[in-house]
């Protein structure tokens, strides 16, 4: 509270660096997360496009929270994957 709102920090973060989406202890776990995230995003985008075009019975991928809670959109059951 005693610091002036007009003061700026002396150090800055590097611009245009890598912004990680997730972290993992092992490369195998990281690859598993990556291989899970890509199909989820593709399925979510397809479902959202259909929803925006008026298709209200389209099922969103498991893990979709906002559309389920706020719009009562149907959600697909979870996929069962073996963890590598």
PDB file of N, CA and C in Angstrom:
ATOM      1  N   UNK A   1       0.812  -1.176   0.000  1.00  0.00           N
ATOM      2  CA  UNK A   1       0.000   0.000   0.000  1.00  0.00           C
ATOM      3  C   UNK A   1       0.869   1.260   0.000  1.00  0.00           C
ATOM      4  N   UNK A   2       2.079   1.162   0.554  1.00  0.00           N
ATOM      5  CA  UNK A   2       2.934   2.339   0.641  1.00  0.00           C
ATOM      6  C   UNK A   2       3.630   2.622  -0.689  1.00  0.00           C
ATOM      7  N   UNK A   3       3.642   1.665  -1.592  1.00  0.00           N
ATOM      8  CA  UNK A   3       4.310   1.839  -2.871  1.00  0.00           C
ATOM      9  C   UNK A   3       3.456   2.697  -3.804  1.00  0.00           C
ATOM     10  N   UNK A   4       4.106   3.550  -4.551  1.00  0.00           N
ATOM     11  CA  UNK A   4       3.397   4.421  -5.482  1.00  0.00           C
ATOM     12  C   UNK A   4       2.827   3.609  -6.649  1.00  0.00           C
ATOM     13  N   UNK A   5       1.612   3.900  -7.055  1.00  0.00           N
ATOM     14  CA  UNK A   5       1.009   3.204  -8.187  1.00  0.00           C
ATOM     15  C   UNK A   5       1.680   3.577  -9.503  1.00  0.00           C
ATOM     16  N   UNK A   6       2.409   4.676  -9.536  1.00  0.00           N
ATOM     17  CA  UNK A   6       3.058   5.146 -10.750  1.00  0.00           C
ATOM     18  C   UNK A   6       4.441   4.523 -10.951  1.00  0.00           C
ATOM     19  N   UNK A   7       5.003   3.868  -9.929  1.00  0.00           N
ATOM     20  CA  UNK A   7       6.332   3.254 -10.058  1.00  0.00           C
ATOM     21  C   UNK A   7       6.239   1.996 -10.892  1.00  0.00           C
ATOM     22  N   UNK A   8       7.295   1.724 -11.629  1.00  0.00           N
ATOM     23  CA  UNK A   8       7.379   0.516 -12.440  1.00  0.00           C
ATOM     24  C   UNK A   8       8.478  -0.377 -11.911  1.00  0.00           C
ATOM     25  N   UNK A   9       8.371  -1.626 -12.207  1.00  0.00           N
ATOM     26  CA  UNK A   9       9.405  -2.561 -11.795  1.00  0.00           C
ATOM     27  C   UNK A   9      10.672  -2.332 -12.617  1.00  0.00           C
ATOM     28  N   UNK A  10      11.808  -2.648 -12.050  1.00  0.00           N
ATOM     29  CA  UNK A  10      13.077  -2.406 -12.737  1.00  0.00           C
ATOM     30  C   UNK A  10      13.421  -3.523 -13.719  1.00  0.00           C
ATOM     31  N   UNK A  11      12.930  -4.729 -13.486  1.00  0.00           N
ATOM     32  CA  UNK A  11      13.238  -5.846 -14.381  1.00  0.00           C
ATOM     33  C   UNK A  11      12.003  -6.203 -15.208  1.00  0.00           C
ATOM     34  N   UNK A  12      12.234  -6.749 -16.367  1.00  0.00           N
ATOM     35  CA  UNK A  12      11.156  -7.127 -17.265  1.00  0.00           C
ATOM     36  C   UNK A  12      11.330  -8.570 -17.682  1.00  0.00           C
ATOM     37  N   UNK A  13      10.218  -9.215 -17.986  1.00  0.00           N
ATOM     38  CA  UNK A  13      10.274 -10.575 -18.493  1.00  0.00           C
ATOM     39  C   UNK A  13      10.632 -10.541 -19.972  1.00  0.00           C
ATOM     40  N   UNK A  14      11.278 -11.605 -20.401  1.00  0.00           N
ATOM     41  CA  UNK A  14      11.660 -11.704 -21.803  1.00  0.00           C
ATOM     42  C   UNK A  14      10.403 -11.808 -22.672  1.00  0.00           C
ATOM     43  N   UNK A  15      10.373 -11.063 -23.750  1.00  0.00           N
ATOM     44  CA  UNK A  15       9.233 -11.097 -24.660  1.00  0.00           C
ATOM     45  C   UNK A  15       9.423 -12.200 -25.689  1.00  0.00           C
ATOM     46  N   UNK A  16       8.306 -12.697 -26.180  1.00  0.00           N
ATOM     47  CA  UNK A  16       8.275 -13.709 -27.225  1.00  0.00           C
ATOM     48  C   UNK A  16       8.970 -15.006 -26.830  1.00  0.00           C
ATOM     49  N   UNK A  17       8.930 -15.338 -25.574  1.00  0.00           N
ATOM     50  CA  UNK A  17       9.486 -16.605 -25.119  1.00  0.00           C
ATOM     51  C   UNK A  17       8.439 -17.697 -25.209  1.00  0.00           C
ATOM     52  N   UNK A  18       8.826 -18.909 -24.899  1.00  0.00           N
ATOM     53  CA  UNK A  18       7.909 -20.026 -24.917  1.00  0.00           C
ATOM     54  C   UNK A  18       6.967 -19.918 -23.718  1.00  0.00           C
ATOM     55  N   UNK A  19       5.689 -20.113 -23.948  1.00  0.00           N
ATOM     56  CA  UNK A  19       4.704 -20.097 -22.885  1.00  0.00           C
ATOM     57  C   UNK A  19       4.169 -21.526 -22.762  1.00  0.00           C
ATOM     58  N   UNK A  20       4.624 -22.264 -21.758  1.00  0.00           N
ATOM     59  CA  UNK A  20       4.202 -23.665 -21.641  1.00  0.00           C
ATOM     60  C   UNK A  20       2.732 -23.779 -21.257  1.00  0.00           C
ATOM     61  N   UNK A  21       2.035 -24.744 -21.839  1.00  0.00           N
ATOM     62  CA  UNK A  21       0.629 -24.973 -21.510  1.00  0.00           C
ATOM     63  C   UNK A  21       0.491 -25.884 -20.303  1.00  0.00           C
ATOM     64  N   UNK A  22       1.475 -26.742 -20.110  1.00  0.00           N
ATOM     65  CA  UNK A  22       1.487 -27.639 -18.970  1.00  0.00           C
ATOM     66  C   UNK A  22       2.921 -28.092 -18.725  1.00  0.00           C
ATOM     67  N   UNK A  23       3.145 -28.651 -17.557  1.00  0.00           N
ATOM     68  CA  UNK A  23       4.473 -29.135 -17.193  1.00  0.00           C
ATOM     69  C   UNK A  23       4.345 -30.577 -16.723  1.00  0.00           C
ATOM     70  N   UNK A  24       5.407 -31.328 -16.867  1.00  0.00           N
ATOM     71  CA  UNK A  24       5.411 -32.723 -16.438  1.00  0.00           C
ATOM     72  C   UNK A  24       6.807 -33.097 -15.967  1.00  0.00           C
ATOM     73  N   UNK A  25       6.857 -34.112 -15.111  1.00  0.00           N
ATOM     74  CA  UNK A  25       8.150 -34.563 -14.599  1.00  0.00           C
ATOM     75  C   UNK A  25       8.908 -35.396 -15.621  1.00  0.00           C
ATOM     76  N   UNK A  26       8.177 -36.092 -16.485  1.00  0.00           N
ATOM     77  CA  UNK A  26       8.836 -36.941 -17.480  1.00  0.00           C
ATOM     78  C   UNK A  26       8.364 -36.562 -18.874  1.00  0.00           C
ATOM     79  N   UNK A  27       9.189 -36.889 -19.845  1.00  0.00           N
ATOM     80  CA  UNK A  27       8.826 -36.602 -21.227  1.00  0.00           C
ATOM     81  C   UNK A  27       7.633 -37.457 -21.651  1.00  0.00           C
ATOM     82  N   UNK A  28       7.550 -38.683 -21.144  1.00  0.00           N
ATOM     83  CA  UNK A  28       6.423 -39.559 -21.491  1.00  0.00           C
ATOM     84  C   UNK A  28       5.100 -38.956 -21.007  1.00  0.00           C
ATOM     85  N   UNK A  29       5.097 -38.416 -19.803  1.00  0.00           N
ATOM     86  CA  UNK A  29       3.882 -37.790 -19.284  1.00  0.00           C
ATOM     87  C   UNK A  29       3.532 -36.542 -20.085  1.00  0.00           C
ATOM     88  N   UNK A  30       4.533 -35.768 -20.456  1.00  0.00           N
ATOM     89  CA  UNK A  30       4.321 -34.560 -21.254  1.00  0.00           C
ATOM     90  C   UNK A  30       3.731 -34.922 -22.609  1.00  0.00           C
ATOM     91  N   UNK A  31       4.276 -35.958 -23.260  1.00  0.00           N
ATOM     92  CA  UNK A  31       3.756 -36.398 -24.560  1.00  0.00           C
ATOM     93  C   UNK A  31       2.323 -36.904 -24.432  1.00  0.00           C
ATOM     94  N   UNK A  32       2.032 -37.599 -23.342  1.00  0.00           N
ATOM     95  CA  UNK A  32       0.669 -38.088 -23.134  1.00  0.00           C
ATOM     96  C   UNK A  32      -0.306 -36.911 -23.020  1.00  0.00           C
ATOM     97  N   UNK A  33       0.083 -35.895 -22.278  1.00  0.00           N
ATOM     98  CA  UNK A  33      -0.781 -34.712 -22.147  1.00  0.00           C
ATOM     99  C   UNK A  33      -0.967 -34.024 -23.498  1.00  0.00           C
ATOM    100  N   UNK A  34       0.109 -33.927 -24.262  1.00  0.00           N
ATOM    101  CA  UNK A  34       0.018 -33.299 -25.577  1.00  0.00           C
ATOM    102  C   UNK A  34      -0.898 -34.095 -26.499  1.00  0.00           C
ATOM    103  N   UNK A  35      -0.759 -35.417 -26.470  1.00  0.00           N
ATOM    104  CA  UNK A  35      -1.595 -36.271 -27.324  1.00  0.00           C
ATOM    105  C   UNK A  35      -3.049 -36.287 -26.874  1.00  0.00           C
ATOM    106  N   UNK A  36      -3.315 -35.916 -25.646  1.00  0.00           N
ATOM    107  CA  UNK A  36      -4.687 -35.813 -25.146  1.00  0.00           C
ATOM    108  C   UNK A  36      -5.278 -34.452 -25.470  1.00  0.00           C
ATOM    109  N   UNK A  37      -4.473 -33.408 -25.361  1.00  0.00           N
ATOM    110  CA  UNK A  37      -4.957 -32.043 -25.560  1.00  0.00           C
ATOM    111  C   UNK A  37      -5.348 -31.763 -27.010  1.00  0.00           C
ATOM    112  N   UNK A  38      -4.554 -32.216 -27.947  1.00  0.00           N
ATOM    113  CA  UNK A  38      -4.845 -31.919 -29.363  1.00  0.00           C
ATOM    114  C   UNK A  38      -6.193 -32.467 -29.827  1.00  0.00           C
ATOM    115  N   UNK A  39      -6.488 -33.756 -29.586  1.00  0.00           N
ATOM    116  CA  UNK A  39      -7.815 -34.248 -30.002  1.00  0.00           C
ATOM    117  C   UNK A  39      -8.961 -33.566 -29.249  1.00  0.00           C
ATOM    118  N   UNK A  40      -8.734 -33.219 -27.967  1.00  0.00           N
ATOM    119  CA  UNK A  40      -9.769 -32.516 -27.210  1.00  0.00           C
ATOM    120  C   UNK A  40     -10.085 -31.182 -27.871  1.00  0.00           C
ATOM    121  N   UNK A  41      -9.053 -30.429 -28.190  1.00  0.00           N
ATOM    122  CA  UNK A  41      -9.284 -29.112 -28.812  1.00  0.00           C
ATOM    123  C   UNK A  41      -9.957 -29.226 -30.170  1.00  0.00           C
ATOM    124  N   UNK A  42      -9.580 -30.235 -30.945  1.00  0.00           N
ATOM    125  CA  UNK A  42     -10.195 -30.437 -32.255  1.00  0.00           C
ATOM    126  C   UNK A  42     -11.678 -30.788 -32.100  1.00  0.00           C
ATOM    127  N   UNK A  43     -11.992 -31.683 -31.166  1.00  0.00           N
ATOM    128  CA  UNK A  43     -13.383 -32.076 -30.929  1.00  0.00           C
ATOM    129  C   UNK A  43     -14.184 -30.919 -30.360  1.00  0.00           C
ATOM    130  N   UNK A  44     -13.571 -30.147 -29.463  1.00  0.00           N
ATOM    131  CA  UNK A  44     -14.268 -28.999 -28.874  1.00  0.00           C
ATOM    132  C   UNK A  44     -14.584 -27.964 -29.952  1.00  0.00           C
ATOM    133  N   UNK A  45     -13.626 -27.687 -30.825  1.00  0.00           N
ATOM    134  CA  UNK A  45     -13.838 -26.695 -31.888  1.00  0.00           C
ATOM    135  C   UNK A  45     -14.962 -27.136 -32.815  1.00  0.00           C
ATOM    136  N   UNK A  46     -14.994 -28.433 -33.181  1.00  0.00           N
ATOM    137  CA  UNK A  46     -16.057 -28.932 -34.057  1.00  0.00           C
ATOM    138  C   UNK A  46     -17.420 -28.820 -33.371  1.00  0.00           C
ATOM    139  N   UNK A  47     -17.477 -29.175 -32.089  1.00  0.00           N
ATOM    140  CA  UNK A  47     -18.736 -29.096 -31.353  1.00  0.00           C
ATOM    141  C   UNK A  47     -19.180 -27.648 -31.189  1.00  0.00           C
ATOM    142  N   UNK A  48     -18.247 -26.752 -30.901  1.00  0.00           N
ATOM    143  CA  UNK A  48     -18.598 -25.347 -30.734  1.00  0.00           C
ATOM    144  C   UNK A  48     -19.090 -24.736 -32.044  1.00  0.00           C
ATOM    145  N   UNK A  49     -18.455 -25.089 -33.142  1.00  0.00           N
ATOM    146  CA  UNK A  49     -18.917 -24.591 -34.446  1.00  0.00           C
ATOM    147  C   UNK A  49     -20.340 -25.063 -34.728  1.00  0.00           C
ATOM    148  N   UNK A  50     -20.619 -26.344 -34.434  1.00  0.00           N
ATOM    149  CA  UNK A  50     -21.970 -26.866 -34.643  1.00  0.00           C
ATOM    150  C   UNK A  50     -22.962 -26.161 -33.718  1.00  0.00           C
ATOM    151  N   UNK A  51     -22.568 -25.937 -32.466  1.00  0.00           N
ATOM    152  CA  UNK A  51     -23.434 -25.244 -31.497  1.00  0.00           C
ATOM    153  C   UNK A  51     -23.775 -23.845 -31.989  1.00  0.00           C
ATOM    154  N   UNK A  52     -22.777 -23.156 -32.482  1.00  0.00           N
ATOM    155  CA  UNK A  52     -22.999 -21.797 -32.984  1.00  0.00           C
ATOM    156  C   UNK A  52     -23.878 -21.776 -34.223  1.00  0.00           C
ATOM    157  N   UNK A  53     -23.920 -22.903 -34.956  1.00  0.00           N
ATOM    158  CA  UNK A  53     -24.788 -22.997 -36.133  1.00  0.00           C
ATOM    159  C   UNK A  53     -26.178 -23.519 -35.782  1.00  0.00           C
ATOM    160  N   UNK A  54     -26.471 -23.630 -34.485  1.00  0.00           N
ATOM    161  CA  UNK A  54     -27.816 -23.986 -34.063  1.00  0.00           C
ATOM    162  C   UNK A  54     -28.042 -25.444 -33.723  1.00  0.00           C
ATOM    163  N   UNK A  55     -27.030 -26.276 -33.808  1.00  0.00           N
ATOM    164  CA  UNK A  55     -27.173 -27.692 -33.469  1.00  0.00           C
ATOM    165  C   UNK A  55     -27.024 -27.823 -31.955  1.00  0.00           C
ATOM    166  N   UNK A  56     -28.148 -27.974 -31.243  1.00  0.00           N
ATOM    167  CA  UNK A  56     -28.112 -27.977 -29.777  1.00  0.00           C
ATOM    168  C   UNK A  56     -27.948 -29.360 -29.167  1.00  0.00           C
ATOM    169  N   UNK A  57     -27.976 -30.417 -29.989  1.00  0.00           N
ATOM    170  CA  UNK A  57     -27.786 -31.758 -29.434  1.00  0.00           C
ATOM    171  C   UNK A  57     -26.377 -32.288 -29.683  1.00  0.00           C
ATOM    172  N   UNK A  58     -25.476 -31.414 -30.116  1.00  0.00           N
ATOM    173  CA  UNK A  58     -24.097 -31.835 -30.339  1.00  0.00           C
ATOM    174  C   UNK A  58     -23.448 -32.100 -28.984  1.00  0.00           C
ATOM    175  N   UNK A  59     -22.664 -33.180 -28.887  1.00  0.00           N
ATOM    176  CA  UNK A  59     -22.011 -33.548 -27.628  1.00  0.00           C
ATOM    177  C   UNK A  59     -20.589 -32.988 -27.607  1.00  0.00           C
ATOM    178  N   UNK A  60     -20.282 -32.280 -26.548  1.00  0.00           N
ATOM    179  CA  UNK A  60     -18.941 -31.733 -26.358  1.00  0.00           C
ATOM    180  C   UNK A  60     -18.046 -32.803 -25.741  1.00  0.00           C
ATOM    181  N   UNK A  61     -16.740 -32.688 -25.934  1.00  0.00           N
ATOM    182  CA  UNK A  61     -15.842 -33.698 -25.365  1.00  0.00           C
ATOM    183  C   UNK A  61     -15.842 -33.659 -23.840  1.00  0.00           C
ATOM    184  N   UNK A  62     -15.563 -34.804 -23.237  1.00  0.00           N
ATOM    185  CA  UNK A  62     -15.481 -34.896 -21.783  1.00  0.00           C
ATOM    186  C   UNK A  62     -14.415 -33.928 -21.275  1.00  0.00           C
ATOM    187  N   UNK A  63     -14.738 -33.205 -20.233  1.00  0.00           N
ATOM    188  CA  UNK A  63     -13.824 -32.203 -19.697  1.00  0.00           C
ATOM    189  C   UNK A  63     -14.287 -30.788 -19.983  1.00  0.00           C
ATOM    190  N   UNK A  64     -15.311 -30.646 -20.815  1.00  0.00           N
ATOM    191  CA  UNK A  64     -15.868 -29.328 -21.111  1.00  0.00           C
ATOM    192  C   UNK A  64     -16.725 -28.910 -19.928  1.00  0.00           C
ATOM    193  N   UNK A  65     -16.380 -27.788 -19.320  1.00  0.00           N
ATOM    194  CA  UNK A  65     -17.095 -27.347 -18.136  1.00  0.00           C
ATOM    195  C   UNK A  65     -18.110 -26.251 -18.454  1.00  0.00           C
ATOM    196  N   UNK A  66     -17.664 -25.205 -19.108  1.00  0.00           N
ATOM    197  CA  UNK A  66     -18.506 -24.021 -19.313  1.00  0.00           C
ATOM    198  C   UNK A  66     -19.802 -24.353 -20.054  1.00  0.00           C
ATOM    199  N   UNK A  67     -19.698 -25.075 -21.151  1.00  0.00           N
ATOM    200  CA  UNK A  67     -20.888 -25.372 -21.949  1.00  0.00           C
ATOM    201  C   UNK A  67     -21.852 -26.281 -21.184  1.00  0.00           C
ATOM    202  N   UNK A  68     -21.322 -27.184 -20.370  1.00  0.00           N
ATOM    203  CA  UNK A  68     -22.173 -28.076 -19.586  1.00  0.00           C
ATOM    204  C   UNK A  68     -22.906 -27.308 -18.494  1.00  0.00           C
ATOM    205  N   UNK A  69     -22.182 -26.465 -17.774  1.00  0.00           N
ATOM    206  CA  UNK A  69     -22.761 -25.770 -16.630  1.00  0.00           C
ATOM    207  C   UNK A  69     -23.666 -24.619 -17.063  1.00  0.00           C
ATOM    208  N   UNK A  70     -23.224 -23.821 -18.004  1.00  0.00           N
ATOM    209  CA  UNK A  70     -23.967 -22.605 -18.358  1.00  0.00           C
ATOM    210  C   UNK A  70     -24.990 -22.789 -19.475  1.00  0.00           C
ATOM    211  N   UNK A  71     -24.818 -23.824 -20.292  1.00  0.00           N
ATOM    212  CA  UNK A  71     -25.748 -24.022 -21.409  1.00  0.00           C
ATOM    213  C   UNK A  71     -26.399 -25.403 -21.414  1.00  0.00           C
ATOM    214  N   UNK A  72     -26.053 -26.229 -20.423  1.00  0.00           N
ATOM    215  CA  UNK A  72     -26.588 -27.592 -20.319  1.00  0.00           C
ATOM    216  C   UNK A  72     -26.366 -28.398 -21.588  1.00  0.00           C
ATOM    217  N   UNK A  73     -25.222 -28.207 -22.197  1.00  0.00           N
ATOM    218  CA  UNK A  73     -24.879 -28.949 -23.416  1.00  0.00           C
ATOM    219  C   UNK A  73     -24.522 -30.392 -23.052  1.00  0.00           C
ATOM    220  N   UNK A  74     -24.856 -31.340 -23.918  1.00  0.00           N
ATOM    221  CA  UNK A  74     -24.487 -32.728 -23.650  1.00  0.00           C
ATOM    222  C   UNK A  74     -22.964 -32.912 -23.715  1.00  0.00           C
ATOM    223  N   UNK A  75     -22.460 -33.820 -22.909  1.00  0.00           N
ATOM    224  CA  UNK A  75     -21.032 -34.103 -22.837  1.00  0.00           C
ATOM    225  C   UNK A  75     -20.816 -35.582 -23.128  1.00  0.00           C
ATOM    226  N   UNK A  76     -19.811 -35.891 -23.956  1.00  0.00           N
ATOM    227  CA  UNK A  76     -19.456 -37.278 -24.245  1.00  0.00           C
ATOM    228  C   UNK A  76     -18.876 -37.938 -23.004  1.00  0.00           C
ATOM    229  N   UNK A  77     -18.985 -39.256 -22.890  1.00  0.00           N
ATOM    230  CA  UNK A  77     -18.355 -39.939 -21.762  1.00  0.00           C
ATOM    231  C   UNK A  77     -16.831 -39.877 -21.892  1.00  0.00           C
ATOM    232  N   UNK A  78     -16.109 -40.052 -20.771  1.00  0.00           N
ATOM    233  CA  UNK A  78     -14.651 -39.979 -20.827  1.00  0.00           C
ATOM    234  C   UNK A  78     -14.060 -41.117 -21.642  1.00  0.00           C
ATOM    235  N   UNK A  79     -12.948 -40.829 -22.292  1.00  0.00           N
ATOM    236  CA  UNK A  79     -12.212 -41.857 -23.012  1.00  0.00           C
ATOM    237  C   UNK A  79     -11.297 -42.559 -22.020  1.00  0.00           C
ATOM    238  N   UNK A  80     -11.171 -43.835 -22.144  1.00  0.00           N
ATOM    239  CA  UNK A  80     -10.287 -44.581 -21.263  1.00  0.00           C
ATOM    240  C   UNK A  80      -8.981 -44.837 -21.981  1.00  0.00           C
ATOM    241  N   UNK A  81      -7.920 -44.185 -21.488  1.00  0.00           N
ATOM    242  CA  UNK A  81      -6.595 -44.302 -22.082  1.00  0.00           C
ATOM    243  C   UNK A  81      -5.663 -44.961 -21.078  1.00  0.00           C
ATOM    244  N   UNK A  82      -4.766 -45.760 -21.584  1.00  0.00           N
ATOM    245  CA  UNK A  82      -3.701 -46.280 -20.735  1.00  0.00           C
ATOM    246  C   UNK A  82      -2.630 -45.202 -20.628  1.00  0.00           C
ATOM    247  N   UNK A  83      -2.229 -44.890 -19.422  1.00  0.00           N
ATOM    248  CA  UNK A  83      -1.207 -43.866 -19.205  1.00  0.00           C
ATOM    249  C   UNK A  83       0.147 -44.455 -19.532  1.00  0.00           C
ATOM    250  N   UNK A  84       0.852 -43.763 -20.424  1.00  0.00           N
ATOM    251  CA  UNK A  84       2.167 -44.268 -20.844  1.00  0.00           C
ATOM    252  C   UNK A  84       3.230 -43.816 -19.873  1.00  0.00           C
TER     253      UNK A  84
END
